[in-house]
Amino acid sequence: MSGLRAVVDKMRKWWLPAAAGLGAVALFAPVTWLHVSTAQQRYPADDVPARAVAVVLGAGLRSDGRPTRFLAERLDVAAELYGQGRVEAVLVTGDNSRRSYNETDAMRDYLVAAGLPAARVVGDYAGFSTWESCTRARRIFGVREATVITQAFHLPRAVALCRAAGIDTVGVAAVSSDGYRLGAMGYGYVREVPAAFKAVLDATVRPDPTFLGDPEPGVREALSSPRG
């Protein structure tokens, strides 16, 4: 009996660490894949290749209806890229699932106040998730190439999903030097670990968005309008 106990003890010594290691690999494999597979498509704002359209993903509104700081940082990058001539139109995609919450118009108003011509800013009111924003950009608005803008923790997932949706995508991270943001950024990186599992599923299955509908000419019209 003591010999059997000794064998069991030895098995525990290697089996538990091995199981823990396999669990860690399984847990982090999706998010690691997102980072590795999109590494060549993520750029600083000053180096990103020109694309016709910037896609700005929603990030919530404050209680007064204005963009959150995360969202404002994304919109600031879009305005910067437009000013540099690196993008020619901006598709803002957010949540307008209820009358009292209109993320998309708040994003458009912010960019127009920053100096972009209103005709060059297009709104998608049914961008309820990263995948839905990406697939609607391609299937509804006809976007074939784009620069997607979001925070660094979210960027690998956003680039991967937009590419899976059929868009030639590069990405730019909205950067903040504000120390107050460290906690929120840390939470964002942690949140990406479970979110990566859904992203891999979406990229593989490519489900229809909540709302599909007919193609819309907004992006095409924006690109043909006066630049201002």
Foldseek 3Di string as FASTA:
>chain_A
DVVVVVVVVVCCVPVVVVVVVVVVCVLQVLVVCLCVVQVVQEDALVPHAADAEEEEEADDADPVQAGDPQSLLQLVSVLVCLVVVSYQAYEYEDEPPDPVHFRFVNSLVSNVVVPWPSLRYHYHHQCHDLLQSLLLCCQAAVAAEYEYEGAPLCFSLNQLSNVLSRHNYGYHHRDDPDPVCPVVVVVSNVVVSVVSVVSVVCSVVVDHGPDHDHHDHSNVSSNPDDRD
